[in-house]
PDB file of N, CA and C in Angstrom:
ATOM      1  N   MET A   1       0.858  -1.202  -0.074  1.00  0.00           N
ATOM      2  CA  MET A   1      -0.017  -0.005  -0.017  1.00  0.00           C
ATOM      3  C   MET A   1       0.787   1.181  -0.079  1.00  0.00           C
ATOM      4  N   LYS A   2       0.522   2.298  -0.675  1.00  0.00           N
ATOM      5  CA  LYS A   2       1.477   3.540  -0.900  1.00  0.00           C
ATOM      6  C   LYS A   2       1.262   4.411   0.331  1.00  0.00           C
ATOM      7  N   THR A   3       2.358   4.959   0.649  1.00  0.00           N
ATOM      8  CA  THR A   3       2.403   5.832   1.858  1.00  0.00           C
ATOM      9  C   THR A   3       1.442   6.615   1.851  1.00  0.00           C
ATOM     10  N   ALA A   4       1.078   7.415   0.672  1.00  0.00           N
ATOM     11  CA  ALA A   4       0.119   8.529   0.654  1.00  0.00           C
ATOM     12  C   ALA A   4      -1.194   8.049   1.160  1.00  0.00           C
ATOM     13  N   THR A   5      -1.523   6.623   0.676  1.00  0.00           N
ATOM     14  CA  THR A   5      -2.773   6.202   1.064  1.00  0.00           C
ATOM     15  C   THR A   5      -3.040   5.941   2.325  1.00  0.00           C
ATOM     16  N   LEU A   6      -1.819   5.303   2.958  1.00  0.00           N
ATOM     17  CA  LEU A   6      -1.851   5.181   4.537  1.00  0.00           C
ATOM     18  C   LEU A   6      -1.915   6.479   5.292  1.00  0.00           C
ATOM     19  N   ALA A   7      -1.270   7.552   4.845  1.00  0.00           N
ATOM     20  CA  ALA A   7      -1.228   8.658   5.522  1.00  0.00           C
ATOM     21  C   ALA A   7      -2.614   9.317   5.386  1.00  0.00           C
ATOM     22  N   TYR A   8      -3.313   9.108   4.112  1.00  0.00           N
ATOM     23  CA  TYR A   8      -4.638   9.514   4.134  1.00  0.00           C
ATOM     24  C   TYR A   8      -5.874   9.146   4.862  1.00  0.00           C
ATOM     25  N   ARG A   9      -5.673   7.906   5.344  1.00  0.00           N
ATOM     26  CA  ARG A   9      -6.715   7.253   6.178  1.00  0.00           C
ATOM     27  C   ARG A   9      -7.178   8.128   7.383  1.00  0.00           C
ATOM     28  N   PRO A  10      -6.196   8.277   8.085  1.00  0.00           N
ATOM     29  CA  PRO A  10      -6.467   9.080   9.403  1.00  0.00           C
ATOM     30  C   PRO A  10      -7.169  10.452   9.189  1.00  0.00           C
ATOM     31  N   ILE A  11      -6.465  10.908   8.126  1.00  0.00           N
ATOM     32  CA  ILE A  11      -6.795  12.475   7.657  1.00  0.00           C
ATOM     33  C   ILE A  11      -8.217  12.440   7.075  1.00  0.00           C
ATOM     34  N   GLY A  12      -8.412  11.346   6.240  1.00  0.00           N
ATOM     35  CA  GLY A  12      -9.773  11.312   5.557  1.00  0.00           C
ATOM     36  C   GLY A  12     -10.878  11.062   6.602  1.00  0.00           C
ATOM     37  N   LEU A  13     -10.613  10.222   7.633  1.00  0.00           N
ATOM     38  CA  LEU A  13     -11.615  10.020   8.591  1.00  0.00           C
ATOM     39  C   LEU A  13     -11.882  11.123   9.362  1.00  0.00           C
ATOM     40  N   ALA A  14     -10.706  11.750   9.843  1.00  0.00           N
ATOM     41  CA  ALA A  14     -10.995  13.124  10.718  1.00  0.00           C
ATOM     42  C   ALA A  14     -11.694  14.177  10.005  1.00  0.00           C
ATOM     43  N   PHE A  15     -11.397  14.302   8.672  1.00  0.00           N
ATOM     44  CA  PHE A  15     -11.978  15.353   7.657  1.00  0.00           C
ATOM     45  C   PHE A  15     -13.429  14.861   7.519  1.00  0.00           C
ATOM     46  N   GLY A  16     -13.767  13.728   7.372  1.00  0.00           N
ATOM     47  CA  GLY A  16     -15.001  13.229   6.963  1.00  0.00           C
ATOM     48  C   GLY A  16     -15.866  13.417   8.005  1.00  0.00           C
ATOM     49  N   PHE A  17     -15.461  13.117   9.375  1.00  0.00           N
ATOM     50  CA  PHE A  17     -16.255  13.445  10.499  1.00  0.00           C
ATOM     51  C   PHE A  17     -16.493  14.925  10.565  1.00  0.00           C
ATOM     52  N   ALA A  18     -15.486  15.781  10.754  1.00  0.00           N
ATOM     53  CA  ALA A  18     -15.740  17.102  10.519  1.00  0.00           C
ATOM     54  C   ALA A  18     -16.541  17.676   9.328  1.00  0.00           C
ATOM     55  N   GLY A  19     -16.427  17.053   8.402  1.00  0.00           N
ATOM     56  CA  GLY A  19     -17.340  17.430   7.154  1.00  0.00           C
ATOM     57  C   GLY A  19     -18.662  17.142   7.507  1.00  0.00           C
ATOM     58  N   GLY A  20     -18.990  16.275   7.889  1.00  0.00           N
ATOM     59  CA  GLY A  20     -20.469  15.782   8.271  1.00  0.00           C
ATOM     60  C   GLY A  20     -21.044  16.789   9.152  1.00  0.00           C
ATOM     61  N   LEU A  21     -20.319  17.084  10.249  1.00  0.00           N
ATOM     62  CA  LEU A  21     -20.815  18.167  11.066  1.00  0.00           C
ATOM     63  C   LEU A  21     -21.008  19.457  10.443  1.00  0.00           C
ATOM     64  N   LEU A  22     -20.130  19.910   9.676  1.00  0.00           N
ATOM     65  CA  LEU A  22     -20.090  21.114   8.853  1.00  0.00           C
ATOM     66  C   LEU A  22     -21.346  21.223   7.903  1.00  0.00           C
ATOM     67  N   ALA A  23     -21.581  19.869   7.211  1.00  0.00           N
ATOM     68  CA  ALA A  23     -22.700  19.730   6.331  1.00  0.00           C
ATOM     69  C   ALA A  23     -24.047  19.935   7.117  1.00  0.00           C
ATOM     70  N   ARG A  24     -24.097  19.362   8.053  1.00  0.00           N
ATOM     71  CA  ARG A  24     -25.332  19.333   8.982  1.00  0.00           C
ATOM     72  C   ARG A  24     -25.622  20.786   9.290  1.00  0.00           C
ATOM     73  N   ALA A  25     -24.643  21.425   9.847  1.00  0.00           N
ATOM     74  CA  ALA A  25     -24.844  22.783  10.355  1.00  0.00           C
ATOM     75  C   ALA A  25     -25.186  23.696   9.022  1.00  0.00           C
ATOM     76  N   ALA A  26     -24.502  23.419   8.235  1.00  0.00           N
ATOM     77  CA  ALA A  26     -24.753  24.288   6.877  1.00  0.00           C
ATOM     78  C   ALA A  26     -26.339  24.067   6.220  1.00  0.00           C
ATOM     79  N   PHE A  27     -26.631  22.911   6.304  1.00  0.00           N
ATOM     80  CA  PHE A  27     -28.062  22.436   6.077  1.00  0.00           C
ATOM     81  C   PHE A  27     -29.215  23.076   6.930  1.00  0.00           C
ATOM     82  N   ASN A  28     -28.908  23.059   8.207  1.00  0.00           N
ATOM     83  CA  ASN A  28     -29.752  23.721   9.266  1.00  0.00           C
ATOM     84  C   ASN A  28     -30.007  24.979   8.960  1.00  0.00           C
ATOM     85  N   GLN A  29     -28.753  25.676   8.614  1.00  0.00           N
ATOM     86  CA  GLN A  29     -28.808  27.296   8.569  1.00  0.00           C
ATOM     87  C   GLN A  29     -29.592  27.525   7.257  1.00  0.00           C
ATOM     88  N   MET A  30     -29.248  26.783   6.325  1.00  0.00           N
ATOM     89  CA  MET A  30     -30.138  26.919   4.842  1.00  0.00           C
ATOM     90  C   MET A  30     -31.593  26.708   5.077  1.00  0.00           C
ATOM     91  N   TRP A  31     -31.959  25.793   5.762  1.00  0.00           N
ATOM     92  CA  TRP A  31     -33.235  25.286   6.011  1.00  0.00           C
ATOM     93  C   TRP A  31     -33.866  26.733   6.684  1.00  0.00           C
ATOM     94  N   LYS A  32     -33.336  27.234   7.725  1.00  0.00           N
ATOM     95  CA  LYS A  32     -33.927  28.235   8.605  1.00  0.00           C
ATOM     96  C   LYS A  32     -34.034  29.653   7.482  1.00  0.00           C
ATOM     97  N   TRP A  33     -33.026  29.764   6.880  1.00  0.00           N
ATOM     98  CA  TRP A  33     -32.912  31.018   5.995  1.00  0.00           C
ATOM     99  C   TRP A  33     -33.802  30.852   4.881  1.00  0.00           C
ATOM    100  N   ALA A  34     -34.152  29.715   4.433  1.00  0.00           N
ATOM    101  CA  ALA A  34     -35.129  29.558   3.642  1.00  0.00           C
ATOM    102  C   ALA A  34     -36.623  29.884   3.949  1.00  0.00           C
ATOM    103  N   GLY A  35     -36.846  30.129   5.402  1.00  0.00           N
ATOM    104  CA  GLY A  35     -37.927  30.462   5.904  1.00  0.00           C
ATOM    105  C   GLY A  35     -38.869  29.317   6.677  1.00  0.00           C
ATOM    106  N   HIS A  36     -38.203  28.233   6.672  1.00  0.00           N
ATOM    107  CA  HIS A  36     -38.865  27.061   7.177  1.00  0.00           C
ATOM    108  C   HIS A  36     -38.762  26.795   8.740  1.00  0.00           C
ATOM    109  N   GLU A  37     -39.430  26.131   9.350  1.00  0.00           N
ATOM    110  CA  GLU A  37     -39.143  25.686  10.729  1.00  0.00           C
ATOM    111  C   GLU A  37     -37.829  25.209  11.077  1.00  0.00           C
ATOM    112  N   ASP A  38     -37.697  25.042  12.220  1.00  0.00           N
ATOM    113  CA  ASP A  38     -36.371  24.776  12.735  1.00  0.00           C
ATOM    114  C   ASP A  38     -36.044  23.435  12.204  1.00  0.00           C
ATOM    115  N   ASP A  39     -36.891  22.513  12.487  1.00  0.00           N
ATOM    116  CA  ASP A  39     -36.452  21.085  11.905  1.00  0.00           C
ATOM    117  C   ASP A  39     -36.828  20.734  10.542  1.00  0.00           C
ATOM    118  N   ALA A  40     -35.983  20.258   9.679  1.00  0.00           N
ATOM    119  CA  ALA A  40     -36.381  19.739   8.516  1.00  0.00           C
ATOM    120  C   ALA A  40     -37.399  18.585   8.422  1.00  0.00           C
ATOM    121  N   PRO A  41     -38.207  18.312   7.521  1.00  0.00           N
ATOM    122  CA  PRO A  41     -38.822  17.115   7.717  1.00  0.00           C
ATOM    123  C   PRO A  41     -38.296  15.873   7.549  1.00  0.00           C
ATOM    124  N   GLY A  42     -38.780  14.922   7.880  1.00  0.00           N
ATOM    125  CA  GLY A  42     -38.220  13.528   7.582  1.00  0.00           C
ATOM    126  C   GLY A  42     -39.094  12.925   6.464  1.00  0.00           C
ATOM    127  N   ALA A  43     -38.783  11.954   5.833  1.00  0.00           N
ATOM    128  CA  ALA A  43     -39.556  11.219   4.780  1.00  0.00           C
ATOM    129  C   ALA A  43     -41.081  10.786   5.415  1.00  0.00           C
ATOM    130  N   MET A  44     -41.001  10.335   6.676  1.00  0.00           N
ATOM    131  CA  MET A  44     -42.168   9.752   7.262  1.00  0.00           C
ATOM    132  C   MET A  44     -43.182  10.752   8.123  1.00  0.00           C
ATOM    133  N   ASP A  45     -42.750  12.021   7.918  1.00  0.00           N
ATOM    134  CA  ASP A  45     -43.468  13.132   8.658  1.00  0.00           C
ATOM    135  C   ASP A  45     -44.711  13.346   7.927  1.00  0.00           C
ATOM    136  N   GLU A  46     -45.730  12.942   8.589  1.00  0.00           N
ATOM    137  CA  GLU A  46     -47.238  12.778   7.926  1.00  0.00           C
ATOM    138  C   GLU A  46     -47.853  14.054   7.888  1.00  0.00           C
ATOM    139  N   GLU A  47     -47.297  15.269   8.723  1.00  0.00           N
ATOM    140  CA  GLU A  47     -47.956  16.550   8.556  1.00  0.00           C
ATOM    141  C   GLU A  47     -47.344  17.348   7.504  1.00  0.00           C
ATOM    142  N   ARG A  48     -46.279  16.875   6.792  1.00  0.00           N
ATOM    143  CA  ARG A  48     -45.619  17.690   5.705  1.00  0.00           C
ATOM    144  C   ARG A  48     -46.108  17.272   4.506  1.00  0.00           C
ATOM    145  N   THR A  49     -45.922  18.162   3.376  1.00  0.00           N
ATOM    146  CA  THR A  49     -46.333  17.775   2.311  1.00  0.00           C
ATOM    147  C   THR A  49     -45.171  17.155   1.307  1.00  0.00           C
ATOM    148  N   TRP A  50     -45.542  16.632   0.371  1.00  0.00           N
ATOM    149  CA  TRP A  50     -44.510  15.889  -0.621  1.00  0.00           C
ATOM    150  C   TRP A  50     -43.494  17.058  -0.987  1.00  0.00           C
ATOM    151  N   ARG A  51     -43.854  18.191  -1.286  1.00  0.00           N
ATOM    152  CA  ARG A  51     -43.224  19.240  -1.895  1.00  0.00           C
ATOM    153  C   ARG A  51     -42.055  19.622  -0.910  1.00  0.00           C
ATOM    154  N   GLU A  52     -42.511  19.806   0.509  1.00  0.00           N
ATOM    155  CA  GLU A  52     -41.432  20.128   1.435  1.00  0.00           C
ATOM    156  C   GLU A  52     -40.565  18.979   1.758  1.00  0.00           C
ATOM    157  N   ILE A  53     -40.902  17.882   1.782  1.00  0.00           N
ATOM    158  CA  ILE A  53     -40.181  16.733   2.134  1.00  0.00           C
ATOM    159  C   ILE A  53     -39.018  16.560   0.903  1.00  0.00           C
ATOM    160  N   LEU A  54     -39.522  16.666  -0.289  1.00  0.00           N
ATOM    161  CA  LEU A  54     -38.565  16.545  -1.323  1.00  0.00           C
ATOM    162  C   LEU A  54     -37.514  17.530  -1.486  1.00  0.00           C
ATOM    163  N   LEU A  55     -38.022  18.971  -1.135  1.00  0.00           N
ATOM    164  CA  LEU A  55     -37.106  20.168  -1.098  1.00  0.00           C
ATOM    165  C   LEU A  55     -36.064  20.020  -0.259  1.00  0.00           C
ATOM    166  N   ALA A  56     -36.461  19.436   1.096  1.00  0.00           N
ATOM    167  CA  ALA A  56     -35.361  19.504   2.048  1.00  0.00           C
ATOM    168  C   ALA A  56     -34.502  18.267   1.656  1.00  0.00           C
ATOM    169  N   ALA A  57     -34.964  17.201   1.000  1.00  0.00           N
ATOM    170  CA  ALA A  57     -34.042  16.049   0.757  1.00  0.00           C
ATOM    171  C   ALA A  57     -32.864  16.493  -0.352  1.00  0.00           C
ATOM    172  N   ALA A  58     -33.372  17.266  -1.440  1.00  0.00           N
ATOM    173  CA  ALA A  58     -32.618  17.768  -2.507  1.00  0.00           C
ATOM    174  C   ALA A  58     -31.819  18.667  -1.802  1.00  0.00           C
ATOM    175  N   LEU A  59     -32.069  19.489  -0.996  1.00  0.00           N
ATOM    176  CA  LEU A  59     -31.254  20.685  -0.559  1.00  0.00           C
ATOM    177  C   LEU A  59     -30.040  19.897   0.380  1.00  0.00           C
ATOM    178  N   GLN A  60     -30.394  18.897   1.150  1.00  0.00           N
ATOM    179  CA  GLN A  60     -29.531  18.349   2.008  1.00  0.00           C
ATOM    180  C   GLN A  60     -28.697  17.390   1.249  1.00  0.00           C
ATOM    181  N   GLY A  61     -29.059  16.684   0.296  1.00  0.00           N
ATOM    182  CA  GLY A  61     -28.152  16.077  -0.774  1.00  0.00           C
ATOM    183  C   GLY A  61     -27.285  16.999  -1.475  1.00  0.00           C
ATOM    184  N   ALA A  62     -27.558  18.050  -1.646  1.00  0.00           N
ATOM    185  CA  ALA A  62     -26.767  18.970  -2.598  1.00  0.00           C
ATOM    186  C   ALA A  62     -25.632  19.303  -1.538  1.00  0.00           C
ATOM    187  N   ILE A  63     -26.102  19.913  -0.481  1.00  0.00           N
ATOM    188  CA  ILE A  63     -25.176  20.492   0.509  1.00  0.00           C
ATOM    189  C   ILE A  63     -23.997  19.230   0.888  1.00  0.00           C
ATOM    190  N   PHE A  64     -24.508  18.262   1.140  1.00  0.00           N
ATOM    191  CA  PHE A  64     -23.572  17.079   1.775  1.00  0.00           C
ATOM    192  C   PHE A  64     -22.722  16.828   0.710  1.00  0.00           C
ATOM    193  N   ALA A  65     -23.135  16.816  -0.701  1.00  0.00           N
ATOM    194  CA  ALA A  65     -22.201  16.502  -1.774  1.00  0.00           C
ATOM    195  C   ALA A  65     -20.958  17.544  -1.908  1.00  0.00           C
ATOM    196  N   VAL A  66     -21.455  18.887  -1.822  1.00  0.00           N
ATOM    197  CA  VAL A  66     -20.504  19.700  -1.845  1.00  0.00           C
ATOM    198  C   VAL A  66     -19.305  19.726  -0.919  1.00  0.00           C
ATOM    199  N   VAL A  67     -19.893  19.510   0.349  1.00  0.00           N
ATOM    200  CA  VAL A  67     -19.039  19.471   1.509  1.00  0.00           C
ATOM    201  C   VAL A  67     -18.169  18.272   1.468  1.00  0.00           C
ATOM    202  N   LYS A  68     -18.686  17.089   0.972  1.00  0.00           N
ATOM    203  CA  LYS A  68     -17.700  15.929   1.040  1.00  0.00           C
ATOM    204  C   LYS A  68     -16.748  16.126  -0.144  1.00  0.00           C
ATOM    205  N   ALA A  69     -17.067  16.762  -1.364  1.00  0.00           N
ATOM    206  CA  ALA A  69     -16.099  16.931  -2.404  1.00  0.00           C
ATOM    207  C   ALA A  69     -15.096  18.050  -1.912  1.00  0.00           C
ATOM    208  N   ALA A  70     -15.423  18.780  -1.140  1.00  0.00           N
ATOM    209  CA  ALA A  70     -14.346  19.792  -0.738  1.00  0.00           C
ATOM    210  C   ALA A  70     -13.562  19.325   0.400  1.00  0.00           C
ATOM    211  N   VAL A  71     -14.160  18.419   1.242  1.00  0.00           N
ATOM    212  CA  VAL A  71     -13.426  17.772   2.374  1.00  0.00           C
ATOM    213  C   VAL A  71     -12.470  16.733   1.762  1.00  0.00           C
ATOM    214  N   ASP A  72     -12.853  16.005   0.889  1.00  0.00           N
ATOM    215  CA  ASP A  72     -12.032  14.989   0.200  1.00  0.00           C
ATOM    216  C   ASP A  72     -10.791  15.538  -0.498  1.00  0.00           C
ATOM    217  N   ARG A  73     -11.191  16.940  -1.218  1.00  0.00           N
ATOM    218  CA  ARG A  73     -10.033  17.468  -1.929  1.00  0.00           C
ATOM    219  C   ARG A  73      -9.103  17.999  -0.983  1.00  0.00           C
ATOM    220  N   ALA A  74      -9.583  18.830   0.105  1.00  0.00           N
ATOM    221  CA  ALA A  74      -8.582  19.088   1.098  1.00  0.00           C
ATOM    222  C   ALA A  74      -7.754  18.224   1.749  1.00  0.00           C
ATOM    223  N   GLY A  75      -8.468  16.907   1.986  1.00  0.00           N
ATOM    224  CA  GLY A  75      -7.649  15.981   2.722  1.00  0.00           C
ATOM    225  C   GLY A  75      -6.451  15.302   1.587  1.00  0.00           C
ATOM    226  N   ALA A  76      -7.021  15.041   0.338  1.00  0.00           N
ATOM    227  CA  ALA A  76      -5.930  14.642  -0.632  1.00  0.00           C
ATOM    228  C   ALA A  76      -4.767  15.810  -0.718  1.00  0.00           C
ATOM    229  N   THR A  77      -4.983  16.987  -0.757  1.00  0.00           N
ATOM    230  CA  THR A  77      -4.039  18.122  -1.042  1.00  0.00           C
ATOM    231  C   THR A  77      -3.221  18.074   0.235  1.00  0.00           C
ATOM    232  N   SER A  78      -3.577  17.812   1.414  1.00  0.00           N
ATOM    233  CA  SER A  78      -2.681  17.954   2.811  1.00  0.00           C
ATOM    234  C   SER A  78      -2.103  16.766   2.603  1.00  0.00           C
ATOM    235  N   VAL A  79      -2.341  15.518   2.099  1.00  0.00           N
ATOM    236  CA  VAL A  79      -1.456  14.325   2.138  1.00  0.00           C
ATOM    237  C   VAL A  79      -0.450  14.469   1.050  1.00  0.00           C
ATOM    238  N   ARG A  80      -0.773  15.199  -0.003  1.00  0.00           N
ATOM    239  CA  ARG A  80       0.152  15.315  -0.969  1.00  0.00           C
ATOM    240  C   ARG A  80       1.494  16.195  -0.514  1.00  0.00           C
ATOM    241  N   ARG A  81       0.887  17.454   0.322  1.00  0.00           N
ATOM    242  CA  ARG A  81       1.792  18.245   0.969  1.00  0.00           C
ATOM    243  C   ARG A  81       2.945  17.618   1.873  1.00  0.00           C
ATOM    244  N   LEU A  82       2.016  16.481   2.525  1.00  0.00           N
ATOM    245  CA  LEU A  82       3.081  15.786   3.514  1.00  0.00           C
ATOM    246  C   LEU A  82       3.971  14.864   3.080  1.00  0.00           C
ATOM    247  N   THR A  83       3.246  14.078   2.088  1.00  0.00           N
ATOM    248  CA  THR A  83       4.386  13.017   1.468  1.00  0.00           C
ATOM    249  C   THR A  83       4.722  13.052  -0.001  1.00  0.00           C
ATOM    250  N   GLY A  84       4.183  14.238  -0.625  1.00  0.00           N
ATOM    251  CA  GLY A  84       4.747  14.476  -1.982  1.00  0.00           C
ATOM    252  C   GLY A  84       3.984  13.709  -3.074  1.00  0.00           C
ATOM    253  N   THR A  85       3.021  12.967  -2.656  1.00  0.00           N
ATOM    254  CA  THR A  85       2.203  11.948  -3.694  1.00  0.00           C
ATOM    255  C   THR A  85       0.781  12.127  -3.511  1.00  0.00           C
ATOM    256  N   TRP A  86       0.091  12.017  -4.496  1.00  0.00           N
ATOM    257  CA  TRP A  86      -1.434  12.065  -4.249  1.00  0.00           C
ATOM    258  C   TRP A  86      -2.047  10.735  -3.832  1.00  0.00           C
ATOM    259  N   PRO A  87      -2.767  10.524  -2.744  1.00  0.00           N
ATOM    260  CA  PRO A  87      -3.450   9.460  -2.593  1.00  0.00           C
ATOM    261  C   PRO A  87      -4.540   8.852  -3.525  1.00  0.00           C
ATOM    262  N   SER A  88      -4.402   7.513  -3.609  1.00  0.00           N
ATOM    263  CA  SER A  88      -5.466   6.910  -4.721  1.00  0.00           C
ATOM    264  C   SER A  88      -6.339   6.203  -3.917  1.00  0.00           C
TER     265      SER A  88
END
């Protein structure tokens, strides 16, 4: 196994955890900013409309995907700085 890949594992794990927390906070802020209640609806929330549930799911998915891409890229860049090679 390449050194860069081994070095990336702990960094990727820590960045992934922090990224999840960041994505959750960003989604909650965006949901509030959009003028909705404090809590986003879940798929099984009987009192919410289809539109509201699907909007929340789409927004959450988009935010999590962007944060994941940014976190993965930052982690890989950090490993390249430390080891000189890009993790695969």
